[in-house]
Amino acid sequence: MSKIIVIIPAFNEEQSIKYVIDDIPKTIVQEVIVVNNNSTDGTAGVAKSAGATVLFEPSMGYGYACLKGMEYVAQNNLNPDIIVFLDGDYSDFPEQITEVIQPILKNDMDLVIGSRNNAERGKHAITPQQIFGNWLATFLMKLLFNANFTDLGPFRAIKYQKLLSLNMSDKTYGWTVEMQLKAIKNNFRYTEVPVKYRERIGVSKVSGTIKGTIFAGIKILSWIFKYSLK
């Protein structure tokens, strides 16, 4: 049986994090790690009560939180086969982890992206700027690298050893696109799985603000053009 660990970056997700943890299929997941990214609410306490391992990362940023989770896995010699990343806002459907990991287990894929581009995505689950940003990023990745991605969705699974080989470095908004670009450059076997997506609980820290949207867009495009020059 494959050892699977879930890493959930979380900033002020007190209202949603219990639902996320509760819906994770515990029969296949050995540990759920919630990285409390300097929350000012009760995120950490709720996550711990729900059974998660809770870490604290004071530096604000999605990538910082993901790297903290990876650091914990490495330092404790947990050696999972697969790492699953998903958000703590309950926009993803955690029970679909069983579907997202299947291409790795059955077809020996290295990376699987949960694609939100399907009929089961909630009508208002993704903002217009997110839709455009995802389209532009994946279009450029297709144009420049012949990549077959349709989304930069945060819900994803990757073989642990392959993840380590990527030497991930982005600390903020570019984490997802960095992983996908490096997977392309390293000739990883990758695919997408359609996933459901609903309106998040609470307000998005990225797409919910003009500043967050602009900075995320700049970071994502900078990663793409950086790799196009290599």
C-alpha atoms as a PDB file:
ATOM      1  CA  MET A   1       0.000   0.000   0.000  1.00  0.00           C
ATOM      2  CA  SER A   2       1.339   3.425  -0.949  1.00  0.00           C
ATOM      3  CA  LYS A   3       2.074   5.917   1.821  1.00  0.00           C
ATOM      4  CA  ILE A   4       0.261   9.178   1.169  1.00  0.00           C
ATOM      5  CA  ILE A   5       0.647  12.463   3.043  1.00  0.00           C
ATOM      6  CA  VAL A   6      -1.509  15.556   2.524  1.00  0.00           C
ATOM      7  CA  ILE A   7      -0.140  19.092   2.945  1.00  0.00           C
ATOM      8  CA  ILE A   8      -2.629  21.935   3.387  1.00  0.00           C
ATOM      9  CA  PRO A   9      -1.402  25.549   3.520  1.00  0.00           C
ATOM     10  CA  ALA A  10      -3.853  27.561   5.630  1.00  0.00           C
ATOM     11  CA  PHE A  11      -4.210  31.241   6.451  1.00  0.00           C
ATOM     12  CA  ASN A  12      -7.286  32.230   8.469  1.00  0.00           C
ATOM     13  CA  GLU A  13      -9.324  29.159   7.511  1.00  0.00           C
ATOM     14  CA  GLU A  14     -10.953  28.602  10.915  1.00  0.00           C
ATOM     15  CA  GLN A  15     -14.415  28.274   9.356  1.00  0.00           C
ATOM     16  CA  SER A  16     -13.464  25.724   6.719  1.00  0.00           C
ATOM     17  CA  ILE A  17     -10.455  23.673   7.797  1.00  0.00           C
ATOM     18  CA  LYS A  18     -12.423  21.092   9.819  1.00  0.00           C
ATOM     19  CA  TYR A  19     -14.579  20.268   6.788  1.00  0.00           C
ATOM     20  CA  VAL A  20     -11.476  19.797   4.658  1.00  0.00           C
ATOM     21  CA  ILE A  21      -9.800  17.467   7.143  1.00  0.00           C
ATOM     22  CA  ASP A  22     -12.973  15.501   7.842  1.00  0.00           C
ATOM     23  CA  ASP A  23     -13.516  14.797   4.131  1.00  0.00           C
ATOM     24  CA  ILE A  24     -10.011  13.445   3.503  1.00  0.00           C
ATOM     25  CA  PRO A  25     -10.220   9.644   3.024  1.00  0.00           C
ATOM     26  CA  LYS A  26      -8.300   8.405   6.067  1.00  0.00           C
ATOM     27  CA  THR A  27      -8.220   4.830   4.764  1.00  0.00           C
ATOM     28  CA  ILE A  28      -5.575   5.818   2.228  1.00  0.00           C
ATOM     29  CA  VAL A  29      -3.980   8.924   3.784  1.00  0.00           C
ATOM     30  CA  GLN A  30      -1.476   8.305   6.576  1.00  0.00           C
ATOM     31  CA  GLU A  31      -1.035  11.898   7.774  1.00  0.00           C
ATOM     32  CA  VAL A  32      -2.644  15.286   7.202  1.00  0.00           C
ATOM     33  CA  ILE A  33      -0.345  18.265   7.697  1.00  0.00           C
ATOM     34  CA  VAL A  34      -1.881  21.720   8.071  1.00  0.00           C
ATOM     35  CA  VAL A  35       0.606  24.555   7.828  1.00  0.00           C
ATOM     36  CA  ASN A  36      -0.732  27.510   9.778  1.00  0.00           C
ATOM     37  CA  ASN A  37       0.604  30.431   7.752  1.00  0.00           C
ATOM     38  CA  ASN A  38       0.564  33.091  10.470  1.00  0.00           C
ATOM     39  CA  SER A  39      -3.223  32.964  10.917  1.00  0.00           C
ATOM     40  CA  THR A  40      -4.858  35.461  13.262  1.00  0.00           C
ATOM     41  CA  ASP A  41      -7.879  33.264  13.951  1.00  0.00           C
ATOM     42  CA  GLY A  42      -8.368  29.781  15.405  1.00  0.00           C
ATOM     43  CA  THR A  43      -7.200  27.830  12.354  1.00  0.00           C
ATOM     44  CA  ALA A  44      -4.472  25.962  14.232  1.00  0.00           C
ATOM     45  CA  GLY A  45      -6.687  24.861  17.106  1.00  0.00           C
ATOM     46  CA  VAL A  46      -9.501  23.685  14.863  1.00  0.00           C
ATOM     47  CA  ALA A  47      -7.083  21.760  12.633  1.00  0.00           C
ATOM     48  CA  LYS A  48      -5.432  20.068  15.605  1.00  0.00           C
ATOM     49  CA  SER A  49      -8.806  19.098  17.089  1.00  0.00           C
ATOM     50  CA  ALA A  50      -9.766  17.586  13.729  1.00  0.00           C
ATOM     51  CA  GLY A  51      -6.731  15.304  13.869  1.00  0.00           C
ATOM     52  CA  ALA A  52      -4.175  17.086  11.719  1.00  0.00           C
ATOM     53  CA  THR A  53      -0.505  17.653  12.423  1.00  0.00           C
ATOM     54  CA  VAL A  54      -0.245  21.444  12.716  1.00  0.00           C
ATOM     55  CA  LEU A  55       2.907  23.362  11.826  1.00  0.00           C
ATOM     56  CA  PHE A  56       3.519  27.096  12.109  1.00  0.00           C
ATOM     57  CA  GLU A  57       5.050  29.140   9.299  1.00  0.00           C
ATOM     58  CA  PRO A  58       5.368  32.849  10.184  1.00  0.00           C
ATOM     59  CA  SER A  59       6.492  34.008   6.726  1.00  0.00           C
ATOM     60  CA  MET A  60       3.416  34.784   4.666  1.00  0.00           C
ATOM     61  CA  GLY A  61       3.126  33.018   1.326  1.00  0.00           C
ATOM     62  CA  TYR A  62       1.672  29.887  -0.236  1.00  0.00           C
ATOM     63  CA  GLY A  63       5.098  28.592  -1.193  1.00  0.00           C
ATOM     64  CA  TYR A  64       6.490  29.248   2.279  1.00  0.00           C
ATOM     65  CA  ALA A  65       3.706  27.081   3.742  1.00  0.00           C
ATOM     66  CA  CYS A  66       4.220  24.252   1.260  1.00  0.00           C
ATOM     67  CA  LEU A  67       7.978  24.262   1.858  1.00  0.00           C
ATOM     68  CA  LYS A  68       7.390  24.109   5.624  1.00  0.00           C
ATOM     69  CA  GLY A  69       5.272  21.003   5.146  1.00  0.00           C
ATOM     70  CA  MET A  70       7.968  19.410   2.990  1.00  0.00           C
ATOM     71  CA  GLU A  71      10.621  20.295   5.569  1.00  0.00           C
ATOM     72  CA  TYR A  72       8.631  18.481   8.267  1.00  0.00           C
ATOM     73  CA  VAL A  73       8.268  15.389   6.088  1.00  0.00           C
ATOM     74  CA  ALA A  74      12.011  15.313   5.395  1.00  0.00           C
ATOM     75  CA  GLN A  75      13.166  16.020   8.942  1.00  0.00           C
ATOM     76  CA  ASN A  76      10.956  13.266  10.352  1.00  0.00           C
ATOM     77  CA  ASN A  77      11.997  10.744   7.697  1.00  0.00           C
ATOM     78  CA  LEU A  78       8.381  10.039   6.799  1.00  0.00           C
ATOM     79  CA  ASN A  79       9.332   8.963   3.263  1.00  0.00           C
ATOM     80  CA  PRO A  80       5.865   8.938   1.676  1.00  0.00           C
ATOM     81  CA  ASP A  81       5.280   7.621  -1.813  1.00  0.00           C
ATOM     82  CA  ILE A  82       2.946  10.472  -2.738  1.00  0.00           C
ATOM     83  CA  ILE A  83       2.372  14.022  -1.512  1.00  0.00           C
ATOM     84  CA  VAL A  84      -1.035  15.589  -2.107  1.00  0.00           C
ATOM     85  CA  PHE A  85      -1.503  19.354  -1.922  1.00  0.00           C
ATOM     86  CA  LEU A  86      -4.901  20.976  -1.540  1.00  0.00           C
ATOM     87  CA  ASP A  87      -6.306  24.208  -0.167  1.00  0.00           C
ATOM     88  CA  GLY A  88      -7.829  24.763   3.240  1.00  0.00           C
ATOM     89  CA  ASP A  89     -10.841  26.799   2.119  1.00  0.00           C
ATOM     90  CA  TYR A  90     -13.090  23.825   1.216  1.00  0.00           C
ATOM     91  CA  SER A  91     -13.291  24.821  -2.454  1.00  0.00           C
ATOM     92  CA  ASP A  92     -11.744  21.467  -3.352  1.00  0.00           C
ATOM     93  CA  PHE A  93     -13.512  18.161  -2.684  1.00  0.00           C
ATOM     94  CA  PRO A  94     -10.970  16.288  -0.516  1.00  0.00           C
ATOM     95  CA  GLU A  95     -12.708  12.957  -1.054  1.00  0.00           C
ATOM     96  CA  GLN A  96     -11.505  13.139  -4.661  1.00  0.00           C
ATOM     97  CA  ILE A  97      -7.963  12.411  -3.489  1.00  0.00           C
ATOM     98  CA  THR A  98      -8.741   8.808  -4.424  1.00  0.00           C
ATOM     99  CA  GLU A  99      -9.284   9.937  -8.027  1.00  0.00           C
ATOM    100  CA  VAL A 100      -6.353  12.346  -8.187  1.00  0.00           C
ATOM    101  CA  ILE A 101      -3.800   9.728  -7.122  1.00  0.00           C
ATOM    102  CA  GLN A 102      -5.076   6.996  -9.450  1.00  0.00           C
ATOM    103  CA  PRO A 103      -2.896   7.930 -12.467  1.00  0.00           C
ATOM    104  CA  ILE A 104       0.164   7.610 -10.216  1.00  0.00           C
ATOM    105  CA  LEU A 105      -0.897   4.271  -8.773  1.00  0.00           C
ATOM    106  CA  LYS A 106      -2.234   2.721 -11.980  1.00  0.00           C
ATOM    107  CA  ASN A 107      -0.275   4.388 -14.785  1.00  0.00           C
ATOM    108  CA  ASP A 108       2.966   5.365 -13.059  1.00  0.00           C
ATOM    109  CA  MET A 109       2.449   9.093 -13.624  1.00  0.00           C
ATOM    110  CA  ASP A 110       4.765  11.425 -11.728  1.00  0.00           C
ATOM    111  CA  LEU A 111       2.442  14.420 -11.355  1.00  0.00           C
ATOM    112  CA  VAL A 112      -1.334  14.791 -11.478  1.00  0.00           C
ATOM    113  CA  ILE A 113      -3.127  18.136 -11.568  1.00  0.00           C
ATOM    114  CA  GLY A 114      -6.748  18.388 -10.489  1.00  0.00           C
ATOM    115  CA  SER A 115      -8.259  20.383 -13.350  1.00  0.00           C
ATOM    116  CA  ARG A 116     -11.215  22.624 -12.542  1.00  0.00           C
ATOM    117  CA  ASN A 117     -12.081  23.166 -16.196  1.00  0.00           C
ATOM    118  CA  ASN A 118     -15.184  21.011 -16.381  1.00  0.00           C
ATOM    119  CA  ALA A 119     -18.966  21.142 -16.010  1.00  0.00           C
ATOM    120  CA  GLU A 120     -18.818  20.295 -12.301  1.00  0.00           C
ATOM    121  CA  ARG A 121     -17.121  23.564 -11.383  1.00  0.00           C
ATOM    122  CA  GLY A 122     -19.439  25.843  -9.437  1.00  0.00           C
ATOM    123  CA  LYS A 123     -20.800  28.792 -11.375  1.00  0.00           C
ATOM    124  CA  HIS A 124     -19.132  31.391  -9.161  1.00  0.00           C
ATOM    125  CA  ALA A 125     -16.347  29.222  -7.769  1.00  0.00           C
ATOM    126  CA  ILE A 126     -13.625  30.900  -9.839  1.00  0.00           C
ATOM    127  CA  THR A 127     -13.443  34.619 -10.513  1.00  0.00           C
ATOM    128  CA  PRO A 128     -13.213  35.967 -14.081  1.00  0.00           C
ATOM    129  CA  GLN A 129      -9.634  37.077 -13.435  1.00  0.00           C
ATOM    130  CA  GLN A 130      -8.725  33.562 -12.301  1.00  0.00           C
ATOM    131  CA  ILE A 131     -10.295  32.044 -15.400  1.00  0.00           C
ATOM    132  CA  PHE A 132      -8.393  34.419 -17.661  1.00  0.00           C
ATOM    133  CA  GLY A 133      -5.136  33.985 -15.738  1.00  0.00           C
ATOM    134  CA  ASN A 134      -5.330  30.197 -15.923  1.00  0.00           C
ATOM    135  CA  TRP A 135      -6.138  30.336 -19.619  1.00  0.00           C
ATOM    136  CA  LEU A 136      -3.270  32.706 -20.385  1.00  0.00           C
ATOM    137  CA  ALA A 137      -0.732  30.744 -18.341  1.00  0.00           C
ATOM    138  CA  THR A 138      -1.649  27.351 -19.796  1.00  0.00           C
ATOM    139  CA  PHE A 139      -1.848  28.827 -23.312  1.00  0.00           C
ATOM    140  CA  LEU A 140       1.700  30.190 -22.969  1.00  0.00           C
ATOM    141  CA  MET A 141       2.912  26.881 -21.547  1.00  0.00           C
ATOM    142  CA  LYS A 142       1.422  25.122 -24.558  1.00  0.00           C
ATOM    143  CA  LEU A 143       2.909  27.642 -26.970  1.00  0.00           C
ATOM    144  CA  LEU A 144       6.385  27.749 -25.434  1.00  0.00           C
ATOM    145  CA  PHE A 145       6.814  24.221 -24.075  1.00  0.00           C
ATOM    146  CA  ASN A 146       4.123  22.168 -25.836  1.00  0.00           C
ATOM    147  CA  ALA A 147       2.647  21.415 -22.411  1.00  0.00           C
ATOM    148  CA  ASN A 148      -0.772  19.810 -22.050  1.00  0.00           C
ATOM    149  CA  PHE A 149      -2.093  21.606 -18.975  1.00  0.00           C
ATOM    150  CA  THR A 150      -5.476  23.304 -18.736  1.00  0.00           C
ATOM    151  CA  ASP A 151      -5.212  24.553 -15.154  1.00  0.00           C
ATOM    152  CA  LEU A 152      -2.825  25.644 -12.407  1.00  0.00           C
ATOM    153  CA  GLY A 153      -5.144  24.152  -9.802  1.00  0.00           C
ATOM    154  CA  PRO A 154      -3.766  23.770  -6.261  1.00  0.00           C
ATOM    155  CA  PHE A 155      -5.271  20.272  -5.825  1.00  0.00           C
ATOM    156  CA  ARG A 156      -2.485  17.989  -7.051  1.00  0.00           C
ATOM    157  CA  ALA A 157      -0.552  14.816  -6.316  1.00  0.00           C
ATOM    158  CA  ILE A 158       3.102  14.106  -6.982  1.00  0.00           C
ATOM    159  CA  LYS A 159       5.535  11.296  -6.254  1.00  0.00           C
ATOM    160  CA  TYR A 160       7.561  12.374  -3.247  1.00  0.00           C
ATOM    161  CA  GLN A 161      10.980  11.603  -4.711  1.00  0.00           C
ATOM    162  CA  LYS A 162      10.063  13.460  -7.888  1.00  0.00           C
ATOM    163  CA  LEU A 163       8.951  16.435  -5.822  1.00  0.00           C
ATOM    164  CA  LEU A 164      12.300  16.510  -4.031  1.00  0.00           C
ATOM    165  CA  SER A 165      14.132  16.417  -7.355  1.00  0.00           C
ATOM    166  CA  LEU A 166      12.424  19.652  -8.452  1.00  0.00           C
ATOM    167  CA  ASN A 167      14.159  21.713  -5.742  1.00  0.00           C
ATOM    168  CA  MET A 168      11.087  23.886  -5.331  1.00  0.00           C
ATOM    169  CA  SER A 169      11.887  27.459  -4.355  1.00  0.00           C
ATOM    170  CA  ASP A 170       8.977  29.833  -4.944  1.00  0.00           C
ATOM    171  CA  LYS A 171       7.741  31.320  -1.687  1.00  0.00           C
ATOM    172  CA  THR A 172       4.482  32.916  -2.786  1.00  0.00           C
ATOM    173  CA  TYR A 173       2.104  32.874  -5.736  1.00  0.00           C
ATOM    174  CA  GLY A 174       4.314  31.035  -8.216  1.00  0.00           C
ATOM    175  CA  TRP A 175       4.441  27.672  -6.421  1.00  0.00           C
ATOM    176  CA  THR A 176       1.962  25.836  -8.654  1.00  0.00           C
ATOM    177  CA  VAL A 177       3.328  27.044 -11.967  1.00  0.00           C
ATOM    178  CA  GLU A 178       6.918  26.459 -10.837  1.00  0.00           C
ATOM    179  CA  MET A 179       6.089  22.820 -10.147  1.00  0.00           C
ATOM    180  CA  GLN A 180       4.453  22.369 -13.546  1.00  0.00           C
ATOM    181  CA  LEU A 181       7.241  24.103 -15.469  1.00  0.00           C
ATOM    182  CA  LYS A 182       9.942  22.100 -13.722  1.00  0.00           C
ATOM    183  CA  ALA A 183       7.982  18.904 -14.331  1.00  0.00           C
ATOM    184  CA  ILE A 184       7.987  19.712 -18.053  1.00  0.00           C
ATOM    185  CA  LYS A 185      11.701  20.538 -18.071  1.00  0.00           C
ATOM    186  CA  ASN A 186      12.503  17.294 -16.254  1.00  0.00           C
ATOM    187  CA  ASN A 187      10.390  15.188 -18.610  1.00  0.00           C
ATOM    188  CA  PHE A 188       7.999  14.042 -15.906  1.00  0.00           C
ATOM    189  CA  ARG A 189       5.057  11.890 -16.840  1.00  0.00           C
ATOM    190  CA  TYR A 190       2.070  14.087 -16.019  1.00  0.00           C
ATOM    191  CA  THR A 191      -1.655  14.236 -16.582  1.00  0.00           C
ATOM    192  CA  GLU A 192      -4.799  15.960 -15.356  1.00  0.00           C
ATOM    193  CA  VAL A 193      -7.882  14.622 -13.624  1.00  0.00           C
ATOM    194  CA  PRO A 194     -11.141  16.598 -13.712  1.00  0.00           C
ATOM    195  CA  VAL A 195     -12.157  17.680 -10.210  1.00  0.00           C
ATOM    196  CA  LYS A 196     -15.181  19.393  -8.770  1.00  0.00           C
ATOM    197  CA  TYR A 197     -14.806  22.890  -7.407  1.00  0.00           C
ATOM    198  CA  ARG A 198     -17.148  25.046  -5.309  1.00  0.00           C
ATOM    199  CA  GLU A 199     -17.226  28.540  -3.884  1.00  0.00           C
ATOM    200  CA  ARG A 200     -14.754  28.753  -1.052  1.00  0.00           C
ATOM    201  CA  ILE A 201     -15.684  29.481   2.548  1.00  0.00           C
ATOM    202  CA  GLY A 202     -14.539  33.009   3.357  1.00  0.00           C
ATOM    203  CA  VAL A 203     -12.716  35.502   1.130  1.00  0.00           C
ATOM    204  CA  SER A 204      -9.806  34.532  -1.101  1.00  0.00           C
ATOM    205  CA  LYS A 205      -6.489  36.027  -0.060  1.00  0.00           C
ATOM    206  CA  VAL A 206      -5.339  36.121  -3.690  1.00  0.00           C
ATOM    207  CA  SER A 207      -8.186  36.479  -6.198  1.00  0.00           C
ATOM    208  CA  GLY A 208     -10.339  38.266  -3.610  1.00  0.00           C
ATOM    209  CA  THR A 209      -8.134  41.367  -3.752  1.00  0.00           C
ATOM    210  CA  ILE A 210      -6.852  43.488  -6.629  1.00  0.00           C
ATOM    211  CA  LYS A 211      -3.336  43.475  -5.150  1.00  0.00           C
ATOM    212  CA  GLY A 212      -3.333  39.699  -4.766  1.00  0.00           C
ATOM    213  CA  THR A 213      -4.588  39.158  -8.308  1.00  0.00           C
ATOM    214  CA  ILE A 214      -1.962  41.467  -9.824  1.00  0.00           C
ATOM    215  CA  PHE A 215       0.951  40.019  -7.868  1.00  0.00           C
ATOM    216  CA  ALA A 216      -0.121  36.449  -8.590  1.00  0.00           C
ATOM    217  CA  GLY A 217      -0.354  37.223 -12.307  1.00  0.00           C
ATOM    218  CA  ILE A 218       3.057  38.855 -12.390  1.00  0.00           C
ATOM    219  CA  LYS A 219       4.692  35.975 -10.499  1.00  0.00           C
ATOM    220  CA  ILE A 220       3.125  33.301 -12.707  1.00  0.00           C
ATOM    221  CA  LEU A 221       4.066  35.034 -15.955  1.00  0.00           C
ATOM    222  CA  SER A 222       7.593  35.716 -14.714  1.00  0.00           C
ATOM    223  CA  TRP A 223       8.131  31.997 -14.064  1.00  0.00           C
ATOM    224  CA  ILE A 224       6.883  31.118 -17.546  1.00  0.00           C
ATOM    225  CA  PHE A 225       9.093  33.644 -19.320  1.00  0.00           C
ATOM    226  CA  LYS A 226      12.061  32.773 -17.131  1.00  0.00           C
ATOM    227  CA  TYR A 227      11.839  29.163 -18.263  1.00  0.00           C
ATOM    228  CA  SER A 228      11.258  30.125 -21.887  1.00  0.00           C
ATOM    229  CA  LEU A 229      14.732  31.693 -21.903  1.00  0.00           C
ATOM    230  CA  LYS A 230      16.493  28.571 -20.585  1.00  0.00           C
END
